Amino acid sequence: MSKQQRPKMAVWKFASCDGCQLTLLNCEDELLPIAGEVDIVYFREATRADGKGPY
């Protein structure tokens, strides 16, 4: 699958804490295999970089 065809993944924070994002990051064994298959365009807790939308 080419980079243009890869699905985009965005993780948003909907509350005042970062608990859900941290819980997702704790699933690194499950996330690493798919990390090369998707474009992670927004994940504030994991990176400072922001991908351009639309998501």
Protein backbone atom coordinates (compact mmCIF):
# COMPACT_ATOMS: atom_id res chain seq x y z
CA MET A 1 0.00 0.00 0.00
CA SER A 2 1.49 3.37 -0.95
CA LYS A 3 1.78 6.24 1.49
CA GLN A 4 -1.10 8.08 -0.22
CA GLN A 5 -3.40 5.11 0.28
CA ARG A 6 -2.64 4.51 3.94
CA PRO A 7 -5.44 5.30 6.37
CA LYS A 8 -4.98 8.30 8.65
CA MET A 9 -5.18 7.96 12.41
CA ALA A 10 -5.87 10.86 14.77
CA VAL A 11 -6.20 10.59 18.54
CA TRP A 12 -8.06 13.46 20.19
CA LYS A 13 -8.49 14.42 23.80
CA PHE A 14 -12.10 14.98 24.82
CA ALA A 15 -11.67 15.68 28.53
CA SER A 16 -9.30 17.69 30.69
CA CYS A 17 -6.98 14.78 31.48
CA ASP A 18 -4.80 12.69 29.17
CA GLY A 19 -5.77 9.33 30.68
CA CYS A 20 -7.27 7.84 27.51
CA GLN A 21 -4.27 8.83 25.41
CA LEU A 22 -1.86 7.43 28.00
CA THR A 23 -3.82 4.17 28.14
CA LEU A 24 -3.57 3.90 24.37
CA LEU A 25 0.18 4.54 24.51
CA ASN A 26 0.50 1.74 27.07
CA CYS A 27 -0.66 -0.63 24.31
CA GLU A 28 2.68 -0.27 22.53
CA ASP A 29 2.92 -4.00 21.78
CA GLU A 30 -0.34 -3.75 19.84
CA LEU A 31 0.38 -0.33 18.28
CA LEU A 32 3.87 -1.00 16.91
CA PRO A 33 2.77 -3.55 14.28
CA ILE A 34 0.23 -1.11 12.79
CA ALA A 35 2.37 2.04 13.12
CA GLY A 36 3.95 1.44 9.72
CA GLU A 37 0.57 0.80 8.08
CA VAL A 38 -1.17 4.08 9.00
CA ASP A 39 -0.27 7.76 8.97
CA ILE A 40 -0.58 9.01 12.54
CA VAL A 41 -1.54 12.58 11.75
CA TYR A 42 -2.51 13.82 15.20
CA PHE A 43 -1.63 12.36 18.59
CA ARG A 44 -0.76 15.22 20.96
CA GLU A 45 0.41 12.98 23.81
CA ALA A 46 2.76 11.03 21.51
CA THR A 47 4.28 13.84 19.41
CA ARG A 48 4.37 17.60 18.94
CA ALA A 49 3.99 17.29 15.16
CA ASP A 50 0.57 17.96 13.67
CA GLY A 51 -0.41 16.58 10.30
CA LYS A 52 -2.57 18.64 8.01
CA GLY A 53 -6.27 17.76 8.01
CA PRO A 54 -8.86 16.95 7.12
CA TYR A 55 -8.68 13.87 9.26
